[in-house]
């Protein structure tokens, strides 16, 4: 550290710009969310969230596909090369 300014690290960064409170606040929500849970519980929760996300993505995809199919039937949509609307 610089002996003249204790807020400057060896790379010349001003450490006073890093708010310790901001850093702790950003992690508090994670700590609160997982507090008291085992690794198994955390893993199960993560898997459930991933499944829900995949389901939501699939539903959104099916909505877009149905809309494209509808527009294609009306002649308002043109398929791109390699694009299919039937699954």
N, C-alpha and C. Protein backbone atom coordinates (compact mmCIF):
# COMPACT_ATOMS: atom_id res chain seq x y z
N UNK A 1 0.82 -1.19 0.00
CA UNK A 1 0.00 0.00 0.00
C UNK A 1 0.86 1.24 0.00
N UNK A 2 0.31 2.24 -0.53
CA UNK A 2 0.98 3.54 -0.57
C UNK A 2 0.98 4.13 0.83
N UNK A 3 2.14 4.57 1.31
CA UNK A 3 2.23 5.09 2.67
C UNK A 3 1.57 6.46 2.80
N UNK A 4 1.43 7.20 1.71
CA UNK A 4 0.82 8.53 1.77
C UNK A 4 -0.70 8.45 1.84
N UNK A 5 -1.30 7.55 1.11
CA UNK A 5 -2.76 7.44 1.09
C UNK A 5 -3.13 5.99 1.36
N UNK A 6 -3.76 5.75 2.50
CA UNK A 6 -4.09 4.37 2.88
C UNK A 6 -5.31 3.86 2.14
N UNK A 7 -5.97 4.70 1.34
CA UNK A 7 -7.12 4.26 0.58
C UNK A 7 -6.75 3.80 -0.83
N UNK A 8 -5.47 3.76 -1.15
CA UNK A 8 -5.01 3.31 -2.46
C UNK A 8 -4.32 1.97 -2.28
N UNK A 9 -4.72 0.97 -3.07
CA UNK A 9 -4.07 -0.34 -2.98
C UNK A 9 -2.85 -0.39 -3.89
N UNK A 10 -2.20 -1.55 -3.94
CA UNK A 10 -0.96 -1.69 -4.71
C UNK A 10 -1.16 -1.54 -6.21
N UNK A 11 -2.41 -1.60 -6.68
CA UNK A 11 -2.70 -1.44 -8.10
C UNK A 11 -3.18 -0.03 -8.44
N UNK A 12 -3.19 0.86 -7.46
CA UNK A 12 -3.59 2.24 -7.70
C UNK A 12 -5.09 2.47 -7.63
N UNK A 13 -5.84 1.48 -7.14
CA UNK A 13 -7.29 1.64 -7.03
C UNK A 13 -7.64 2.33 -5.72
N UNK A 14 -8.61 3.23 -5.78
CA UNK A 14 -9.05 3.95 -4.59
C UNK A 14 -10.05 3.08 -3.85
N UNK A 15 -9.65 2.55 -2.71
CA UNK A 15 -10.48 1.64 -1.95
C UNK A 15 -11.66 2.33 -1.28
N UNK A 16 -11.60 3.65 -1.15
CA UNK A 16 -12.72 4.36 -0.53
C UNK A 16 -13.94 4.38 -1.44
N UNK A 17 -13.75 4.09 -2.73
CA UNK A 17 -14.87 4.06 -3.65
C UNK A 17 -15.71 2.79 -3.49
N UNK A 18 -15.10 1.76 -2.95
CA UNK A 18 -15.83 0.52 -2.70
C UNK A 18 -16.59 0.67 -1.39
N UNK A 19 -17.86 0.68 -1.51
CA UNK A 19 -18.68 0.80 -0.32
C UNK A 19 -18.88 -0.58 0.28
N UNK A 20 -18.41 -0.76 1.48
CA UNK A 20 -18.56 -2.05 2.15
C UNK A 20 -20.04 -2.36 2.36
N UNK A 21 -20.83 -1.31 2.56
CA UNK A 21 -22.26 -1.50 2.75
C UNK A 21 -22.91 -2.03 1.48
N UNK A 22 -22.52 -1.50 0.31
CA UNK A 22 -23.09 -1.97 -0.95
C UNK A 22 -22.75 -3.43 -1.18
N UNK A 23 -21.53 -3.80 -0.87
CA UNK A 23 -21.10 -5.19 -1.06
C UNK A 23 -21.89 -6.11 -0.15
N UNK A 24 -22.06 -5.73 1.10
CA UNK A 24 -22.79 -6.59 2.02
C UNK A 24 -24.27 -6.66 1.67
N UNK A 25 -24.86 -5.57 1.19
CA UNK A 25 -26.26 -5.58 0.80
C UNK A 25 -26.51 -6.50 -0.39
N UNK A 26 -25.56 -6.56 -1.31
CA UNK A 26 -25.75 -7.39 -2.49
C UNK A 26 -25.76 -8.88 -2.15
N UNK A 27 -25.11 -9.26 -1.06
CA UNK A 27 -25.07 -10.66 -0.66
C UNK A 27 -26.08 -11.01 0.41
N UNK A 28 -26.63 -10.01 1.08
CA UNK A 28 -27.58 -10.27 2.16
C UNK A 28 -28.79 -11.05 1.67
N UNK A 29 -29.29 -10.70 0.50
CA UNK A 29 -30.47 -11.39 0.00
C UNK A 29 -30.18 -12.87 -0.26
N UNK A 30 -28.98 -13.17 -0.75
CA UNK A 30 -28.61 -14.58 -0.96
C UNK A 30 -28.48 -15.31 0.36
N UNK A 31 -27.84 -14.68 1.32
CA UNK A 31 -27.68 -15.31 2.62
C UNK A 31 -29.03 -15.55 3.27
N UNK A 32 -29.92 -14.57 3.19
CA UNK A 32 -31.25 -14.70 3.79
C UNK A 32 -32.05 -15.79 3.08
N UNK A 33 -31.89 -15.89 1.78
CA UNK A 33 -32.65 -16.87 1.02
C UNK A 33 -32.26 -18.31 1.38
N UNK A 34 -30.98 -18.54 1.56
CA UNK A 34 -30.49 -19.90 1.79
C UNK A 34 -30.18 -20.21 3.25
N UNK A 35 -30.44 -19.26 4.13
CA UNK A 35 -30.12 -19.44 5.55
C UNK A 35 -30.89 -20.63 6.11
N UNK A 36 -30.18 -21.50 6.81
CA UNK A 36 -30.80 -22.64 7.45
C UNK A 36 -31.09 -23.81 6.53
N UNK A 37 -30.68 -23.71 5.27
CA UNK A 37 -30.94 -24.80 4.32
C UNK A 37 -29.69 -25.65 4.16
N UNK A 38 -29.91 -26.93 3.91
CA UNK A 38 -28.79 -27.82 3.62
C UNK A 38 -28.46 -27.72 2.13
N UNK A 39 -27.32 -28.29 1.76
CA UNK A 39 -26.93 -28.29 0.34
C UNK A 39 -27.95 -29.05 -0.49
N UNK A 40 -28.52 -30.10 0.07
CA UNK A 40 -29.52 -30.90 -0.65
C UNK A 40 -30.75 -30.04 -0.93
N UNK A 41 -31.20 -29.28 0.07
CA UNK A 41 -32.36 -28.42 -0.10
C UNK A 41 -32.09 -27.32 -1.12
N UNK A 42 -30.90 -26.74 -1.07
CA UNK A 42 -30.53 -25.69 -2.02
C UNK A 42 -30.50 -26.26 -3.43
N UNK A 43 -29.93 -27.46 -3.58
CA UNK A 43 -29.86 -28.11 -4.89
C UNK A 43 -31.25 -28.42 -5.43
N UNK A 44 -32.13 -28.93 -4.56
CA UNK A 44 -33.50 -29.24 -4.98
C UNK A 44 -34.23 -27.97 -5.42
N UNK A 45 -34.04 -26.88 -4.66
CA UNK A 45 -34.69 -25.62 -5.01
C UNK A 45 -34.16 -25.11 -6.35
N UNK A 46 -32.87 -25.23 -6.56
CA UNK A 46 -32.28 -24.78 -7.83
C UNK A 46 -32.81 -25.61 -9.00
N UNK A 47 -32.96 -26.91 -8.80
CA UNK A 47 -33.50 -27.78 -9.85
C UNK A 47 -34.95 -27.44 -10.16
N UNK A 48 -35.74 -27.17 -9.11
CA UNK A 48 -37.14 -26.79 -9.31
C UNK A 48 -37.25 -25.48 -10.08
N UNK A 49 -36.42 -24.51 -9.71
CA UNK A 49 -36.43 -23.23 -10.41
C UNK A 49 -36.04 -23.40 -11.88
N UNK A 50 -35.06 -24.27 -12.12
CA UNK A 50 -34.62 -24.52 -13.49
C UNK A 50 -35.74 -25.18 -14.31
N UNK A 51 -36.44 -26.12 -13.68
CA UNK A 51 -37.56 -26.78 -14.36
C UNK A 51 -38.67 -25.78 -14.68
N UNK A 52 -38.98 -24.90 -13.74
CA UNK A 52 -40.01 -23.89 -13.96
C UNK A 52 -39.61 -22.94 -15.08
N UNK A 53 -38.32 -22.58 -15.11
CA UNK A 53 -37.81 -21.71 -16.16
C UNK A 53 -37.92 -22.38 -17.53
N UNK A 54 -37.56 -23.66 -17.59
CA UNK A 54 -37.67 -24.40 -18.85
C UNK A 54 -39.11 -24.49 -19.30
N UNK A 55 -40.02 -24.73 -18.34
CA UNK A 55 -41.43 -24.82 -18.66
C UNK A 55 -41.94 -23.49 -19.21
N UNK A 56 -41.55 -22.39 -18.58
CA UNK A 56 -41.97 -21.07 -19.04
C UNK A 56 -41.40 -20.78 -20.43
N UNK A 57 -40.14 -21.15 -20.65
CA UNK A 57 -39.53 -20.95 -21.97
C UNK A 57 -40.25 -21.78 -23.03
N UNK A 58 -40.61 -23.00 -22.68
CA UNK A 58 -41.33 -23.88 -23.61
C UNK A 58 -42.71 -23.30 -23.94
N UNK A 59 -43.40 -22.80 -22.93
CA UNK A 59 -44.71 -22.19 -23.16
C UNK A 59 -44.60 -20.97 -24.06
N UNK A 60 -43.59 -20.15 -23.83
CA UNK A 60 -43.37 -18.96 -24.67
C UNK A 60 -43.06 -19.37 -26.10
N UNK A 61 -42.24 -20.42 -26.26
CA UNK A 61 -41.90 -20.92 -27.59
C UNK A 61 -43.16 -21.41 -28.32
N UNK A 62 -44.01 -22.14 -27.60
CA UNK A 62 -45.23 -22.65 -28.22
C UNK A 62 -46.17 -21.53 -28.62
N UNK A 63 -46.21 -20.45 -27.83
CA UNK A 63 -47.03 -19.29 -28.19
C UNK A 63 -46.53 -18.65 -29.48
N UNK A 64 -45.23 -18.47 -29.58
CA UNK A 64 -44.63 -17.88 -30.78
C UNK A 64 -44.88 -18.78 -31.98
N UNK A 65 -44.72 -20.07 -31.78
CA UNK A 65 -44.94 -21.04 -32.86
C UNK A 65 -46.39 -21.01 -33.34
N UNK A 66 -47.33 -20.95 -32.39
CA UNK A 66 -48.75 -20.89 -32.75
C UNK A 66 -49.06 -19.61 -33.52
N UNK A 67 -48.47 -18.51 -33.10
CA UNK A 67 -48.68 -17.23 -33.79
C UNK A 67 -48.12 -17.29 -35.22
N UNK A 68 -46.93 -17.85 -35.36
CA UNK A 68 -46.34 -17.97 -36.70
C UNK A 68 -47.18 -18.89 -37.58
N UNK A 69 -47.68 -19.98 -37.00
CA UNK A 69 -48.52 -20.92 -37.75
C UNK A 69 -49.79 -20.21 -38.23
N UNK A 70 -50.39 -19.41 -37.35
CA UNK A 70 -51.59 -18.66 -37.68
C UNK A 70 -51.31 -17.66 -38.81
N UNK A 71 -50.20 -16.92 -38.69
CA UNK A 71 -49.84 -15.95 -39.72
C UNK A 71 -49.51 -16.64 -41.04
N UNK A 72 -48.89 -17.82 -40.97
CA UNK A 72 -48.54 -18.57 -42.17
C UNK A 72 -49.80 -19.00 -42.92
N UNK A 73 -50.80 -19.44 -42.18
CA UNK A 73 -52.06 -19.86 -42.79
C UNK A 73 -52.76 -18.68 -43.47
N UNK A 74 -52.59 -17.50 -42.92
CA UNK A 74 -53.22 -16.31 -43.49
C UNK A 74 -52.37 -15.71 -44.62
N UNK A 75 -51.19 -16.25 -44.82
CA UNK A 75 -50.30 -15.73 -45.86
C UNK A 75 -49.55 -14.49 -45.44
N UNK A 76 -49.47 -14.23 -44.13
CA UNK A 76 -48.79 -13.03 -43.63
C UNK A 76 -47.40 -13.33 -43.07
N UNK A 77 -46.98 -14.58 -43.18
CA UNK A 77 -45.67 -14.96 -42.67
C UNK A 77 -45.00 -15.86 -43.68
N UNK A 78 -43.72 -15.62 -43.89
CA UNK A 78 -42.96 -16.42 -44.83
C UNK A 78 -41.88 -17.18 -44.07
N UNK A 79 -41.84 -18.49 -44.28
CA UNK A 79 -40.85 -19.31 -43.59
C UNK A 79 -39.45 -18.98 -44.08
N UNK A 80 -38.53 -18.93 -43.13
CA UNK A 80 -37.13 -18.75 -43.50
C UNK A 80 -36.56 -20.12 -43.85
N UNK A 81 -35.41 -20.11 -44.49
CA UNK A 81 -34.78 -21.35 -44.92
C UNK A 81 -34.52 -22.26 -43.71
N UNK A 82 -35.05 -23.48 -43.79
CA UNK A 82 -34.85 -24.45 -42.71
C UNK A 82 -35.84 -24.33 -41.57
N UNK A 83 -36.71 -23.35 -41.59
CA UNK A 83 -37.68 -23.14 -40.52
C UNK A 83 -38.88 -24.07 -40.69
N UNK A 84 -39.33 -24.65 -39.59
CA UNK A 84 -40.50 -25.51 -39.59
C UNK A 84 -41.46 -25.00 -38.52
N UNK A 85 -42.76 -25.13 -38.78
CA UNK A 85 -43.72 -24.69 -37.78
C UNK A 85 -44.49 -25.85 -37.18
N UNK A 86 -44.26 -27.06 -37.63
CA UNK A 86 -44.91 -28.23 -37.07
C UNK A 86 -43.91 -29.03 -36.24
N UNK A 87 -44.32 -29.41 -35.06
CA UNK A 87 -43.46 -30.23 -34.20
C UNK A 87 -43.98 -31.64 -34.13
